[in-house]
C-alpha atoms as a PDB file:
ATOM      1  CA  MET A   1     167.242  99.594  78.266  1.00  0.00           C
ATOM      2  CA  LYS A   2     164.644 102.186  79.402  1.00  0.00           C
ATOM      3  CA  ARG A   3     161.583 101.498  81.125  1.00  0.00           C
ATOM      4  CA  ASP A   4     158.165 102.562  79.660  1.00  0.00           C
ATOM      5  CA  TYR A   5     157.156 103.534  83.525  1.00  0.00           C
ATOM      6  CA  ASP A   6     157.465 106.194  85.623  1.00  0.00           C
ATOM      7  CA  HIS A   7     156.904 104.167  88.590  1.00  0.00           C
ATOM      8  CA  LEU A   8     156.300 101.015  89.602  1.00  0.00           C
ATOM      9  CA  PHE A   9     153.930  99.586  92.359  1.00  0.00           C
ATOM     10  CA  LYS A  10     152.796  96.691  94.242  1.00  0.00           C
ATOM     11  CA  LEU A  11     149.630  95.816  95.776  1.00  0.00           C
ATOM     12  CA  VAL A  12     148.436  93.334  97.171  1.00  0.00           C
ATOM     13  CA  LEU A  13     145.182  92.514  98.153  1.00  0.00           C
ATOM     14  CA  ILE A  14     143.902  91.698 101.213  1.00  0.00           C
ATOM     15  CA  GLY A  15     140.376  90.572 102.568  1.00  0.00           C
ATOM     16  CA  ASP A  16     138.192  87.324 103.648  1.00  0.00           C
ATOM     17  CA  SER A  17     137.355  84.775 101.422  1.00  0.00           C
ATOM     18  CA  GLY A  18     134.688  85.718  98.889  1.00  0.00           C
ATOM     19  CA  ALA A  19     134.601  89.519  99.762  1.00  0.00           C
ATOM     20  CA  GLY A  20     134.980  90.240  95.607  1.00  0.00           C
ATOM     21  CA  LYS A  21     139.314  90.641  95.189  1.00  0.00           C
ATOM     22  CA  SER A  22     139.505  88.350  92.212  1.00  0.00           C
ATOM     23  CA  CYS A  23     136.695  90.312  90.656  1.00  0.00           C
ATOM     24  CA  LEU A  24     138.401  93.257  91.300  1.00  0.00           C
ATOM     25  CA  LEU A  25     141.350  92.666  90.027  1.00  0.00           C
ATOM     26  CA  LEU A  26     139.956  90.994  86.633  1.00  0.00           C
ATOM     27  CA  ARG A  27     137.927  93.980  86.395  1.00  0.00           C
ATOM     28  CA  PHE A  28     140.780  96.702  86.490  1.00  0.00           C
ATOM     29  CA  ALA A  29     143.654  94.576  85.348  1.00  0.00           C
ATOM     30  CA  ASP A  30     141.384  93.136  81.960  1.00  0.00           C
ATOM     31  CA  ASP A  31     138.580  94.561  82.253  1.00  0.00           C
ATOM     32  CA  THR A  32     136.099  91.039  82.924  1.00  0.00           C
ATOM     33  CA  PHE A  33     133.597  89.082  85.164  1.00  0.00           C
ATOM     34  CA  THR A  34     132.504  86.378  85.200  1.00  0.00           C
ATOM     35  CA  ASP A  35     129.835  84.937  88.181  1.00  0.00           C
ATOM     36  CA  SER A  36     131.616  81.940  88.267  1.00  0.00           C
ATOM     37  CA  TYR A  37     135.106  82.500  88.685  1.00  0.00           C
ATOM     38  CA  ILE A  38     137.529  80.697  90.636  1.00  0.00           C
ATOM     39  CA  THR A  39     138.794  80.812  94.196  1.00  0.00           C
ATOM     40  CA  THR A  40     141.599  81.768  94.325  1.00  0.00           C
ATOM     41  CA  ILE A  41     144.606  79.312  96.424  1.00  0.00           C
ATOM     42  CA  GLY A  42     147.790  80.456  97.851  1.00  0.00           C
ATOM     43  CA  VAL A  43     148.022  83.831  95.219  1.00  0.00           C
ATOM     44  CA  ASP A  44     147.473  85.331  91.810  1.00  0.00           C
ATOM     45  CA  PHE A  45     148.810  88.611  90.747  1.00  0.00           C
ATOM     46  CA  ARG A  46     148.478  90.647  87.200  1.00  0.00           C
ATOM     47  CA  PHE A  47     150.497  93.991  85.732  1.00  0.00           C
ATOM     48  CA  LYS A  48     147.637  96.662  85.195  1.00  0.00           C
ATOM     49  CA  THR A  49     149.680 100.317  83.186  1.00  0.00           C
ATOM     50  CA  ILE A  50     147.680 103.223  83.940  1.00  0.00           C
ATOM     51  CA  PRO A  51     148.309 107.106  83.076  1.00  0.00           C
ATOM     52  CA  VAL A  52     147.741 109.258  86.370  1.00  0.00           C
ATOM     53  CA  ASP A  53     148.777 112.779  87.367  1.00  0.00           C
ATOM     54  CA  LYS A  54     150.457 112.412  84.005  1.00  0.00           C
ATOM     55  CA  LYS A  55     152.838 109.941  84.622  1.00  0.00           C
ATOM     56  CA  THR A  56     152.915 106.274  83.547  1.00  0.00           C
ATOM     57  CA  ILE A  57     152.356 103.955  86.072  1.00  0.00           C
ATOM     58  CA  LYS A  58     152.570  99.817  86.142  1.00  0.00           C
ATOM     59  CA  LEU A  59     151.210  98.708  89.349  1.00  0.00           C
ATOM     60  CA  GLN A  60     151.997  94.912  89.809  1.00  0.00           C
ATOM     61  CA  ILE A  61     148.316  93.593  92.149  1.00  0.00           C
ATOM     62  CA  TRP A  62     148.687  90.570  94.028  1.00  0.00           C
ATOM     63  CA  ASP A  63     145.459  88.543  94.980  1.00  0.00           C
ATOM     64  CA  THR A  64     145.844  87.023  98.062  1.00  0.00           C
ATOM     65  CA  ALA A  65     143.856  84.058  99.443  1.00  0.00           C
ATOM     66  CA  GLY A  66     141.399  85.234 101.968  1.00  0.00           C
ATOM     67  CA  GLN A  67     141.229  81.458 103.802  1.00  0.00           C
ATOM     68  CA  GLU A  68     143.191  81.047 106.962  1.00  0.00           C
ATOM     69  CA  ARG A  69     144.775  77.286 105.381  1.00  0.00           C
ATOM     70  CA  PHE A  70     146.492  80.096 103.339  1.00  0.00           C
ATOM     71  CA  ARG A  71     148.120  82.180 105.807  1.00  0.00           C
ATOM     72  CA  THR A  72     151.326  81.250 105.698  1.00  0.00           C
ATOM     73  CA  ILE A  73     151.781  81.382 102.383  1.00  0.00           C
ATOM     74  CA  THR A  74     150.510  84.350 101.784  1.00  0.00           C
ATOM     75  CA  SER A  75     151.959  86.496 104.889  1.00  0.00           C
ATOM     76  CA  ALA A  76     154.648  86.510 102.409  1.00  0.00           C
ATOM     77  CA  TYR A  77     153.400  88.894  99.902  1.00  0.00           C
ATOM     78  CA  TYR A  78     153.063  91.509 102.064  1.00  0.00           C
ATOM     79  CA  ARG A  79     156.483  92.339 102.741  1.00  0.00           C
ATOM     80  CA  GLY A  80     157.779  95.177 100.243  1.00  0.00           C
ATOM     81  CA  ALA A  81     154.102  96.260  99.135  1.00  0.00           C
ATOM     82  CA  ASP A  82     153.402  99.836  98.356  1.00  0.00           C
ATOM     83  CA  GLY A  83     149.851  99.732  99.181  1.00  0.00           C
ATOM     84  CA  ILE A  84     147.110  97.248 100.865  1.00  0.00           C
ATOM     85  CA  VAL A  85     143.431  96.866  99.340  1.00  0.00           C
ATOM     86  CA  LEU A  86     141.689  95.920 101.946  1.00  0.00           C
ATOM     87  CA  VAL A  87     138.322  94.525 100.794  1.00  0.00           C
ATOM     88  CA  TYR A  88     134.478  93.929 102.269  1.00  0.00           C
ATOM     89  CA  ASP A  89     131.661  92.606 100.662  1.00  0.00           C
ATOM     90  CA  ILE A  90     129.035  95.095 101.456  1.00  0.00           C
ATOM     91  CA  THR A  91     126.568  91.810 101.896  1.00  0.00           C
ATOM     92  CA  ASP A  92     129.100  90.000 104.260  1.00  0.00           C
ATOM     93  CA  ARG A  93     129.116  92.216 107.616  1.00  0.00           C
ATOM     94  CA  GLU A  94     131.092  90.008 109.260  1.00  0.00           C
ATOM     95  CA  SER A  95     133.647  91.130 106.140  1.00  0.00           C
ATOM     96  CA  PHE A  96     133.408  93.834 107.339  1.00  0.00           C
ATOM     97  CA  LEU A  97     134.019  93.170 110.877  1.00  0.00           C
ATOM     98  CA  ASN A  98     136.652  91.180 110.450  1.00  0.00           C
ATOM     99  CA  ILE A  99     138.620  94.357 108.004  1.00  0.00           C
ATOM    100  CA  GLU A 100     140.638  95.629 111.513  1.00  0.00           C
ATOM    101  CA  THR A 101     141.663  91.747 111.584  1.00  0.00           C
ATOM    102  CA  TRP A 102     142.845  91.555 108.491  1.00  0.00           C
ATOM    103  CA  LEU A 103     144.446  95.160 109.322  1.00  0.00           C
ATOM    104  CA  ASN A 104     146.538  93.735 112.287  1.00  0.00           C
ATOM    105  CA  GLU A 105     147.505  90.977 110.209  1.00  0.00           C
ATOM    106  CA  VAL A 106     149.539  92.971 107.559  1.00  0.00           C
ATOM    107  CA  ASN A 107     150.380  95.305 109.409  1.00  0.00           C
ATOM    108  CA  ARG A 108     152.712  92.830 111.411  1.00  0.00           C
ATOM    109  CA  TYR A 109     154.870  92.628 108.045  1.00  0.00           C
ATOM    110  CA  VAL A 110     154.644  95.863 106.425  1.00  0.00           C
ATOM    111  CA  ASN A 111     155.497  99.393 107.462  1.00  0.00           C
ATOM    112  CA  GLU A 112     152.198 101.440 110.040  1.00  0.00           C
ATOM    113  CA  ASN A 113     152.505 104.204 106.463  1.00  0.00           C
ATOM    114  CA  THR A 114     152.259 101.695 104.286  1.00  0.00           C
ATOM    115  CA  CYS A 115     149.510 103.617 101.611  1.00  0.00           C
ATOM    116  CA  LYS A 116     145.920 101.748 102.196  1.00  0.00           C
ATOM    117  CA  ILE A 117     143.380 101.965 100.885  1.00  0.00           C
ATOM    118  CA  LEU A 118     139.699 100.384 101.905  1.00  0.00           C
ATOM    119  CA  ILE A 119     136.886  99.275  99.636  1.00  0.00           C
ATOM    120  CA  GLY A 120     133.068  98.241 100.045  1.00  0.00           C
ATOM    121  CA  ASN A 121     132.322  95.523  96.956  1.00  0.00           C
ATOM    122  CA  LYS A 122     129.630  94.022  96.041  1.00  0.00           C
ATOM    123  CA  CYS A 123     127.556  97.756  95.946  1.00  0.00           C
ATOM    124  CA  ASP A 124     124.590  97.345  93.305  1.00  0.00           C
ATOM    125  CA  GLU A 125     122.910  94.688  95.696  1.00  0.00           C
ATOM    126  CA  THR A 126     121.555  97.004  97.690  1.00  0.00           C
ATOM    127  CA  ALA A 127     118.558  95.218  98.470  1.00  0.00           C
ATOM    128  CA  GLU A 128     120.729  92.318 100.778  1.00  0.00           C
ATOM    129  CA  ARG A 129     123.246  95.342 102.328  1.00  0.00           C
ATOM    130  CA  GLN A 130     124.064  94.875 105.820  1.00  0.00           C
ATOM    131  CA  VAL A 131     126.918  97.071 106.158  1.00  0.00           C
ATOM    132  CA  SER A 132     125.531 100.996 105.650  1.00  0.00           C
ATOM    133  CA  THR A 133     128.021 103.480 103.869  1.00  0.00           C
ATOM    134  CA  GLU A 134     127.677 105.746 107.069  1.00  0.00           C
ATOM    135  CA  GLU A 135     129.084 102.876 109.236  1.00  0.00           C
ATOM    136  CA  ALA A 136     132.006 101.829 107.053  1.00  0.00           C
ATOM    137  CA  LYS A 137     132.873 105.482 106.728  1.00  0.00           C
ATOM    138  CA  LYS A 138     133.330 106.207 110.155  1.00  0.00           C
ATOM    139  CA  LYS A 139     135.367 103.091 110.778  1.00  0.00           C
ATOM    140  CA  ALA A 140     137.805 103.867 107.993  1.00  0.00           C
ATOM    141  CA  GLU A 141     138.544 107.416 109.472  1.00  0.00           C
ATOM    142  CA  GLU A 142     139.234 105.623 112.743  1.00  0.00           C
ATOM    143  CA  LEU A 143     141.884 103.431 110.630  1.00  0.00           C
ATOM    144  CA  GLY A 144     142.409 106.538 109.533  1.00  0.00           C
ATOM    145  CA  ILE A 145     142.312 105.330 105.374  1.00  0.00           C
ATOM    146  CA  PRO A 146     140.638 105.991 103.013  1.00  0.00           C
ATOM    147  CA  PHE A 147     137.480 104.383 101.661  1.00  0.00           C
ATOM    148  CA  ILE A 148     134.804 103.702  98.226  1.00  0.00           C
ATOM    149  CA  GLU A 149     132.180 101.858  97.509  1.00  0.00           C
ATOM    150  CA  ALA A 150     132.136  99.815  94.241  1.00  0.00           C
ATOM    151  CA  SER A 151     130.873  97.155  92.106  1.00  0.00           C
ATOM    152  CA  ALA A 152     133.031  94.781  89.741  1.00  0.00           C
ATOM    153  CA  LYS A 153     129.688  93.446  88.281  1.00  0.00           C
ATOM    154  CA  GLU A 154     128.556  97.125  87.181  1.00  0.00           C
ATOM    155  CA  LYS A 155     131.858  98.291  87.195  1.00  0.00           C
ATOM    156  CA  ILE A 156     131.387 100.788  89.361  1.00  0.00           C
ATOM    157  CA  ASN A 157     134.276 102.738  91.024  1.00  0.00           C
ATOM    158  CA  VAL A 158     136.875 100.038  90.428  1.00  0.00           C
ATOM    159  CA  GLU A 159     139.190 102.595  88.276  1.00  0.00           C
ATOM    160  CA  ALA A 160     138.753 105.121  90.766  1.00  0.00           C
ATOM    161  CA  ALA A 161     139.691 103.533  94.073  1.00  0.00           C
ATOM    162  CA  PHE A 162     142.736 102.051  92.293  1.00  0.00           C
ATOM    163  CA  GLN A 163     143.862 105.722  91.130  1.00  0.00           C
ATOM    164  CA  MET A 164     143.011 106.293  94.377  1.00  0.00           C
ATOM    165  CA  VAL A 165     146.343 104.604  96.117  1.00  0.00           C
ATOM    166  CA  THR A 166     148.361 105.538  93.428  1.00  0.00           C
ATOM    167  CA  SER A 167     147.445 108.880  93.019  1.00  0.00           C
ATOM    168  CA  GLU A 168     148.140 109.058  97.251  1.00  0.00           C
ATOM    169  CA  LEU A 169     151.604 106.660  96.104  1.00  0.00           C
ATOM    170  CA  ILE A 170     153.181 108.766  93.790  1.00  0.00           C
ATOM    171  CA  GLY A 171     153.272 111.606  96.165  1.00  0.00           C
ATOM    172  CA  ARG A 172     154.356 109.459  99.008  1.00  0.00           C
ATOM    173  CA  ARG A 173     157.638 108.323  96.157  1.00  0.00           C
ATOM    174  CA  GLU A 174     158.217 111.778  95.102  1.00  0.00           C
ATOM    175  CA  GLN A 175     158.397 113.038  98.244  1.00  0.00           C
ATOM    176  CA  GLN A 176     160.465 110.548  99.768  1.00  0.00           C
ATOM    177  CA  GLY A 177     163.243 109.801  96.814  1.00  0.00           C
ATOM    178  CA  ALA A 178     162.396 107.395  93.653  1.00  0.00           C
ATOM    179  CA  ARG A 179     163.804 103.754  95.427  1.00  0.00           C
ATOM    180  CA  PRO A 180     163.690 100.911  93.169  1.00  0.00           C
ATOM    181  CA  PRO A 181     160.649  99.428  92.804  1.00  0.00           C
ATOM    182  CA  LEU A 182     159.669  96.119  94.857  1.00  0.00           C
ATOM    183  CA  GLN A 183     162.720  96.595  96.417  1.00  0.00           C
ATOM    184  CA  ALA A 184     162.264  97.769  99.922  1.00  0.00           C
ATOM    185  CA  GLY A 185     161.004  94.826 103.163  1.00  0.00           C
ATOM    186  CA  GLY A 186     163.067  92.216 100.806  1.00  0.00           C
ATOM    187  CA  GLY A 187     158.988  91.596  99.204  1.00  0.00           C
ATOM    188  CA  VAL A 188     158.533  89.051  96.915  1.00  0.00           C
ATOM    189  CA  GLY A 189     158.946  88.980  93.429  1.00  0.00           C
ATOM    190  CA  LEU A 190     157.853  87.637  90.636  1.00  0.00           C
ATOM    191  CA  LEU A 191     160.115  84.475  90.545  1.00  0.00           C
ATOM    192  CA  GLN A 192     158.899  83.055  93.540  1.00  0.00           C
ATOM    193  CA  PRO A 193     156.726  80.163  93.007  1.00  0.00           C
ATOM    194  CA  MET A 194     153.542  80.648  92.999  1.00  0.00           C
ATOM    195  CA  GLU A 195     150.593  78.462  94.287  1.00  0.00           C
ATOM    196  CA  PRO A 196     148.115  76.652  91.629  1.00  0.00           C
ATOM    197  CA  ARG A 197     144.706  78.092  91.221  1.00  0.00           C
ATOM    198  CA  ASN A 198     141.684  75.657  91.998  1.00  0.00           C
ATOM    199  CA  THR A 199     140.182  74.795  88.500  1.00  0.00           C
ATOM    200  CA  ALA A 200     136.646  74.301  90.055  1.00  0.00           C
ATOM    201  CA  GLY A 201     133.754  76.946  89.467  1.00  0.00           C
ATOM    202  CA  LYS A 202     132.110  78.652  91.909  1.00  0.00           C
ATOM    203  CA  ASN A 203     129.853  81.442  92.028  1.00  0.00           C
ATOM    204  CA  CYS A 204     131.617  83.347  94.152  1.00  0.00           C
ATOM    205  CA  CYS A 205     131.463  86.659  92.347  1.00  0.00           C
ATOM    206  CA  ALA A 206     127.626  87.366  92.066  1.00  0.00           C
ATOM    207  CA  GLY A 207     126.784  90.802  92.847  1.00  0.00           C
ATOM    208  CA  GLY A 208     130.104  91.964  92.107  1.00  0.00           C
ATOM    209  CA  GLY A 209     132.483  90.214  94.506  1.00  0.00           C
ATOM    210  CA  GLY A 210     134.889  87.084  93.908  1.00  0.00           C
ATOM    211  CA  GLN A 211     136.443  84.004  95.836  1.00  0.00           C
ATOM    212  CA  ALA A 212     139.863  85.059  96.958  1.00  0.00           C
END
């Protein structure tokens, strides 16, 4: 059976709880947003097919919980990731300061050359900003990864962020030669049992963020 895409990539969203990972995923995959999105428990995922560089790309995007108590569950999903999307909330300085901790955590499970991008979410909340664009750019340069600010709420740079990481992945895949998708590193497949999602609503996406 002929597949309907040129490349399939596994992306994993990581970052503090409340940084907005779930809302970024919902905005990108479903073009929806809610101020009362539910807390991610364990992991969730979406598929999204996009055109990039005249190719059809299928993305399998995993949204991981930011709470410490789910770390054992979520870390299993890092393996086999083609790209890592690190998310912080520009109105929450602690979420920015924790980015290096998240990066060190994920580097235990993925190749250090795995494609990564840093997203500063909730850029529409200018009055509440605690992390300047300049500081975040400097940190991204120190870490050697691209950086972009976005807002899931106002639909700012969400598509652009995922396009950036996808374009980089296409280039790397074509340089290395195509490999069977989602096989490297023994990554968790779609048949892996999924943790249930909490049904309790919580105002966690205000300003473009989401509890995740």
